[in-house]
Protein backbone atom coordinates (compact mmCIF):
# COMPACT_ATOMS: atom_id res chain seq x y z
CA UNK A 1 -18.33 5.18 -2.78
CA UNK A 2 -18.42 7.89 -5.49
CA UNK A 3 -16.06 10.18 -3.54
CA UNK A 4 -13.82 7.42 -2.17
CA UNK A 5 -12.47 6.54 -5.63
CA UNK A 6 -11.14 10.02 -6.54
CA UNK A 7 -9.83 10.47 -3.01
CA UNK A 8 -7.96 7.16 -3.17
CA UNK A 9 -6.52 8.16 -6.55
CA UNK A 10 -5.51 11.53 -5.09
CA UNK A 11 -3.79 9.73 -2.21
CA UNK A 12 -1.95 7.46 -4.65
CA UNK A 13 -0.77 10.46 -6.69
CA UNK A 14 0.44 12.26 -3.55
CA UNK A 15 2.30 9.14 -2.38
CA UNK A 16 4.03 8.92 -5.78
CA UNK A 17 5.04 12.60 -5.67
CA UNK A 18 6.26 12.20 -2.08
CA UNK A 19 8.40 9.20 -3.02
CA UNK A 20 9.88 11.05 -6.01
CA UNK A 21 10.78 14.08 -3.90
CA UNK A 22 12.33 12.03 -1.12
CA UNK A 23 14.21 9.75 -3.51
CA UNK A 24 15.73 12.79 -5.25
CA UNK A 25 16.80 14.25 -1.90
CA UNK A 26 18.27 10.91 -0.81
CA UNK A 27 20.37 10.71 -3.98
CA UNK A 28 21.73 14.24 -3.45
CA UNK A 29 22.47 14.00 0.29
CA UNK A 30 22.74 10.36 1.45
CA UNK A 31 23.47 10.96 5.20
CA UNK A 32 20.14 10.97 7.06
CA UNK A 33 20.92 13.96 9.29
CA UNK A 34 21.72 16.07 6.23
CA UNK A 35 18.82 14.68 4.21
CA UNK A 36 16.17 15.75 6.75
CA UNK A 37 17.27 19.36 6.22
CA UNK A 38 16.72 19.16 2.48
CA UNK A 39 13.65 21.23 1.42
CA UNK A 40 12.61 18.61 -1.15
CA UNK A 41 12.76 15.83 1.47
CA UNK A 42 10.66 17.87 3.91
CA UNK A 43 8.21 18.74 1.14
CA UNK A 44 7.98 15.04 0.36
CA UNK A 45 7.02 14.38 3.99
CA UNK A 46 4.28 17.02 3.83
CA UNK A 47 2.94 15.62 0.55
CA UNK A 48 3.03 12.10 2.02
CA UNK A 49 1.00 13.24 5.03
CA UNK A 50 -1.54 14.79 2.68
CA UNK A 51 -1.74 11.47 0.84
CA UNK A 52 -2.27 9.68 4.15
CA UNK A 53 -5.14 12.08 4.92
CA UNK A 54 -6.74 11.44 1.51
CA UNK A 55 -6.45 7.69 2.11
CA UNK A 56 -8.06 8.02 5.55
CA UNK A 57 -11.07 9.91 4.15
CA UNK A 58 -11.38 7.46 1.25
CA UNK A 59 -11.40 4.53 3.68
CA UNK A 60 -14.10 6.24 5.75
CA UNK A 61 -16.31 6.75 2.69
CA UNK A 62 -15.65 3.57 0.75
CA UNK A 63 -14.56 -0.07 0.79
CA UNK A 64 -11.13 -1.02 2.10
CA UNK A 65 -10.88 -3.52 -0.78
CA UNK A 66 -11.34 -0.81 -3.42
CA UNK A 67 -9.25 1.84 -1.68
CA UNK A 68 -6.24 -0.40 -1.02
CA UNK A 69 -6.34 -1.65 -4.61
CA UNK A 70 -6.58 1.91 -5.98
CA UNK A 71 -3.47 2.90 -4.02
CA UNK A 72 -1.53 0.64 -6.40
CA UNK A 73 -2.00 3.39 -9.00
CA UNK A 74 0.85 5.26 -7.32
CA UNK A 75 3.00 3.07 -9.60
CA UNK A 76 1.15 4.50 -12.61
CA UNK A 77 1.76 8.04 -11.38
CA UNK A 78 5.40 7.15 -10.76
CA UNK A 79 5.96 6.31 -14.44
CA UNK A 80 5.72 9.89 -15.79
CA UNK A 81 7.57 11.17 -12.71
CA UNK A 82 10.47 8.79 -13.39
CA UNK A 83 10.54 9.99 -16.99
CA UNK A 84 10.75 13.63 -15.88
CA UNK A 85 13.23 13.22 -13.00
CA UNK A 86 15.35 10.35 -14.28
CA UNK A 87 15.01 10.62 -18.05
CA UNK A 88 13.90 6.97 -18.31
CA UNK A 89 11.20 6.18 -20.84
CA UNK A 90 8.58 3.54 -19.98
CA UNK A 91 9.26 0.08 -21.40
CA UNK A 92 6.67 -2.01 -23.28
CA UNK A 93 6.28 -4.13 -20.12
CA UNK A 94 5.37 -0.96 -18.22
CA UNK A 95 2.50 -0.18 -20.58
CA UNK A 96 1.33 -3.79 -20.36
CA UNK A 97 1.46 -3.73 -16.56
CA UNK A 98 -0.40 -0.41 -16.48
CA UNK A 99 -3.10 -1.80 -18.79
CA UNK A 100 -3.58 -4.87 -16.58
CA UNK A 101 -3.80 -2.70 -13.43
CA UNK A 102 -6.37 -0.43 -15.09
CA UNK A 103 -8.42 -3.41 -16.27
CA UNK A 104 -8.41 -4.89 -12.78
CA UNK A 105 -9.41 -1.59 -11.18
CA UNK A 106 -12.20 -1.03 -13.72
CA UNK A 107 -13.56 -4.51 -12.97
CA UNK A 108 -13.23 -3.92 -9.22
CA UNK A 109 -15.12 -0.63 -9.30
CA UNK A 110 -17.78 -2.21 -11.54
CA UNK A 111 -18.27 -5.08 -9.08
CA UNK A 112 -17.97 -3.09 -5.84
CA UNK A 113 -19.04 0.38 -7.00
CA UNK A 114 -22.68 0.03 -5.96
CA UNK A 115 -21.96 -1.76 -2.67
CA UNK A 116 -22.40 0.53 0.34
CA UNK A 117 -19.46 0.66 2.76
CA UNK A 118 -19.97 -1.91 5.51
CA UNK A 119 -19.41 -1.06 9.15
CA UNK A 120 -16.45 -2.99 10.46
CA UNK A 121 -17.12 -5.66 13.06
CA UNK A 122 -14.90 -4.91 16.05
CA UNK A 123 -15.29 -8.48 17.23
CA UNK A 124 -13.44 -9.58 14.09
CA UNK A 125 -10.52 -7.20 14.60
CA UNK A 126 -8.84 -9.19 17.39
CA UNK A 127 -8.68 -12.45 15.34
CA UNK A 128 -7.50 -10.44 12.30
CA UNK A 129 -4.73 -8.80 14.35
CA UNK A 130 -3.77 -12.18 15.82
CA UNK A 131 -3.49 -13.77 12.36
CA UNK A 132 -1.60 -10.76 10.97
CA UNK A 133 0.80 -10.79 13.93
CA UNK A 134 1.38 -14.51 13.52
CA UNK A 135 2.08 -14.12 9.80
CA UNK A 136 4.45 -11.20 10.41
CA UNK A 137 6.28 -13.20 13.07
CA UNK A 138 6.60 -16.16 10.70
CA UNK A 139 7.89 -13.91 7.90
CA UNK A 140 10.46 -12.37 10.25
CA UNK A 141 11.61 -15.85 11.21
CA UNK A 142 11.87 -16.79 7.52
CA UNK A 143 13.85 -13.60 6.86
CA UNK A 144 16.23 -14.51 9.68
CA UNK A 145 16.71 -18.04 8.38
CA UNK A 146 17.27 -16.72 4.84
CA UNK A 147 19.78 -14.08 5.95
CA UNK A 148 22.31 -15.29 3.38
CA UNK A 149 19.71 -15.13 0.55
CA UNK A 150 19.28 -11.37 0.09
CA UNK A 151 16.33 -11.31 -2.33
CA UNK A 152 14.30 -13.94 -0.46
CA UNK A 153 14.93 -12.09 2.81
CA UNK A 154 13.87 -8.82 1.19
CA UNK A 155 10.67 -10.39 -0.16
CA UNK A 156 9.74 -11.80 3.28
CA UNK A 157 10.32 -8.45 4.99
CA UNK A 158 8.38 -6.57 2.30
CA UNK A 159 5.40 -8.92 2.55
CA UNK A 160 5.41 -8.35 6.32
CA UNK A 161 5.45 -4.58 5.69
CA UNK A 162 2.52 -4.92 3.27
CA UNK A 163 0.50 -6.75 5.93
CA UNK A 164 1.29 -3.95 8.40
CA UNK A 165 0.15 -1.32 5.91
CA UNK A 166 -3.09 -3.24 5.39
CA UNK A 167 -3.72 -3.34 9.15
CA UNK A 168 -2.98 0.40 9.25
CA UNK A 169 -5.83 0.84 6.77
CA UNK A 170 -8.13 -1.22 9.00
CA UNK A 171 -7.32 0.92 12.05
CA UNK A 172 -7.81 4.07 9.94
CA UNK A 173 -11.34 2.93 9.14
CA UNK A 174 -12.25 2.45 12.81
CA UNK A 175 -10.52 5.68 13.87
CA UNK A 176 -12.36 7.59 11.16
CA UNK A 177 -15.70 6.12 12.21
CA UNK A 178 -15.00 7.02 15.85
CA UNK A 179 -14.02 10.56 14.90
CA UNK A 180 -17.19 11.05 12.86
CA UNK A 181 -19.53 9.63 15.50
CA UNK A 182 -17.91 10.39 18.86
CA UNK A 183 -15.54 13.32 18.43
CA UNK A 184 -11.83 13.92 18.93
CA UNK A 185 -11.53 13.23 22.68
CA UNK A 186 -13.42 9.93 22.65
CA UNK A 187 -11.46 8.80 19.59
CA UNK A 188 -8.13 9.63 21.21
CA UNK A 189 -9.06 7.59 24.29
CA UNK A 190 -10.13 4.52 22.26
CA UNK A 191 -7.83 1.80 20.90
CA UNK A 192 -7.78 2.51 17.11
CA UNK A 193 -5.33 5.49 17.27
CA UNK A 194 -2.88 3.50 19.41
CA UNK A 195 -3.15 0.49 17.12
CA UNK A 196 -2.70 2.79 14.14
CA UNK A 197 0.50 4.23 15.60
CA UNK A 198 1.93 0.77 16.30
CA UNK A 199 1.11 -0.65 12.87
CA UNK A 200 2.45 2.42 11.06
CA UNK A 201 5.71 2.37 13.05
CA UNK A 202 6.13 -1.37 12.46
CA UNK A 203 5.47 -0.97 8.73
CA UNK A 204 8.01 1.85 8.48
CA UNK A 205 10.71 -0.21 10.20
CA UNK A 206 9.98 -3.28 8.06
CA UNK A 207 10.06 -1.24 4.84
CA UNK A 208 13.46 0.20 5.68
CA UNK A 209 14.79 -3.27 6.54
CA UNK A 210 13.44 -4.64 3.26
CA UNK A 211 15.01 -1.82 1.25
CA UNK A 212 18.34 -2.28 3.04
CA UNK A 213 18.59 -6.04 2.61
CA UNK A 214 18.04 -6.46 -1.14
CA UNK A 215 17.01 -4.81 -4.38
CA UNK A 216 14.40 -2.08 -4.42
CA UNK A 217 12.43 -3.81 -7.17
CA UNK A 218 12.08 -7.01 -5.11
CA UNK A 219 10.86 -5.07 -2.09
CA UNK A 220 8.43 -2.94 -4.10
CA UNK A 221 7.02 -5.94 -5.97
CA UNK A 222 6.41 -7.98 -2.82
CA UNK A 223 4.91 -5.08 -0.87
CA UNK A 224 2.73 -3.79 -3.71
CA UNK A 225 1.21 -7.21 -4.35
CA UNK A 226 0.61 -7.86 -0.65
CA UNK A 227 -1.36 -4.68 0.06
CA UNK A 228 -4.39 -5.24 -2.25
CA UNK A 229 -4.45 -9.00 -1.61
CA UNK A 230 -4.32 -8.50 2.17
CA UNK A 231 -6.94 -5.76 1.81
CA UNK A 232 -9.27 -8.21 0.07
CA UNK A 233 -8.75 -10.86 2.77
CA UNK A 234 -9.33 -8.36 5.60
CA UNK A 235 -12.34 -7.00 3.73
CA UNK A 236 -13.84 -10.48 3.81
CA UNK A 237 -12.98 -11.05 7.47
CA UNK A 238 -13.77 -7.70 9.05
CA UNK A 239 -16.01 -5.78 6.64
CA UNK A 240 -17.67 -8.36 4.39
CA UNK A 241 -19.03 -11.12 6.56
CA UNK A 242 -22.17 -9.53 7.92
CA UNK A 243 -25.52 -10.01 6.15
CA UNK A 244 -26.19 -7.26 3.63
CA UNK A 245 -22.57 -6.10 3.59
CA UNK A 246 -21.89 -7.18 0.03
CA UNK A 247 -20.07 -10.44 0.70
CA UNK A 248 -21.09 -11.86 -2.68
CA UNK A 249 -19.71 -8.79 -4.45
CA UNK A 250 -16.56 -9.13 -2.36
CA UNK A 251 -16.06 -12.67 -3.62
CA UNK A 252 -16.80 -11.45 -7.13
CA UNK A 253 -13.99 -8.92 -6.81
CA UNK A 254 -11.34 -11.64 -6.47
CA UNK A 255 -10.52 -11.79 -10.23
CA UNK A 256 -10.08 -8.01 -10.21
CA UNK A 257 -7.66 -8.21 -7.28
CA UNK A 258 -5.66 -10.87 -9.13
CA UNK A 259 -5.40 -8.59 -12.17
CA UNK A 260 -4.35 -5.62 -10.03
CA UNK A 261 -1.70 -7.69 -8.25
CA UNK A 262 -0.34 -9.11 -11.52
CA UNK A 263 -0.10 -5.68 -13.15
CA UNK A 264 1.44 -4.21 -10.01
CA UNK A 265 4.10 -6.93 -10.02
CA UNK A 266 5.10 -6.02 -13.57
CA UNK A 267 5.28 -2.33 -12.74
CA UNK A 268 6.97 -2.58 -9.35
CA UNK A 269 9.75 -4.79 -10.73
CA UNK A 270 10.37 -2.54 -13.72
CA UNK A 271 13.78 -0.83 -13.96
CA UNK A 272 11.95 2.29 -15.17
CA UNK A 273 10.95 3.06 -11.59
CA UNK A 274 14.32 2.28 -10.05
CA UNK A 275 17.93 3.28 -10.49
CA UNK A 276 18.81 -0.19 -11.74
CA UNK A 277 20.43 -1.25 -14.99
CA UNK A 278 18.29 -2.59 -17.82
CA UNK A 279 20.86 -5.15 -18.89
CA UNK A 280 20.44 -8.86 -19.58
CA UNK A 281 21.18 -9.69 -15.94
CA UNK A 282 17.69 -8.51 -15.06
CA UNK A 283 16.13 -11.00 -17.45
CA UNK A 284 14.40 -8.29 -19.47
């Protein structure tokens, strides 16, 4: 657990830098075919892959509940980046949201810090995937019904993307365990890499649909809240149910997850992190 925390924080920082680089490239050269030739956009892809690698190692060494919650700190890293690149100073609500996130993470590490990582139960993966697939299907149906309500549609799509990202983390754990115990060839022939590819592709498509259908702040808020909450639920179902796996500590981490989600909502919806006006129409 001691190395998973700094690795998760490193991954969050790299994700924030990647997003800043790619957002800057997207503003300069909107057409996709031109954007992919931008050095800053390509660098953002490389940095994002490095963040994905740090997340994978953190998930192998630590708890999915802690790691997925720590990834929310990419919003904290994004605050100084937005100040440097966009000239926007953090608002009082940003500092409050950051304080709540930090308090939740401190409580989470205190509760879960001494709990050894539990081996995932493969028998629980199929029901978890079935439930996640059902929820994603329901959210897509809701998004279709609410086509004329842009923000509600965006929220539904972003929650679906957050669930996909959480399942990606689950598959990363199993793929990492296979790689450590059985080697590259056996891992490549097993199901986790294929499931990882499917969940990552689905999450990417859903994110783009969410961003295209409504405001960026709505999408970011919905997705950022979903990831740690879904991580906690999956932690209970797949990694926390076996005797000796720290199920009591997992239940004790619920207040911390609530704090992290609340602080993340305040940060993700902040105009500081987005190219949105700060006028009265935003209710701030």
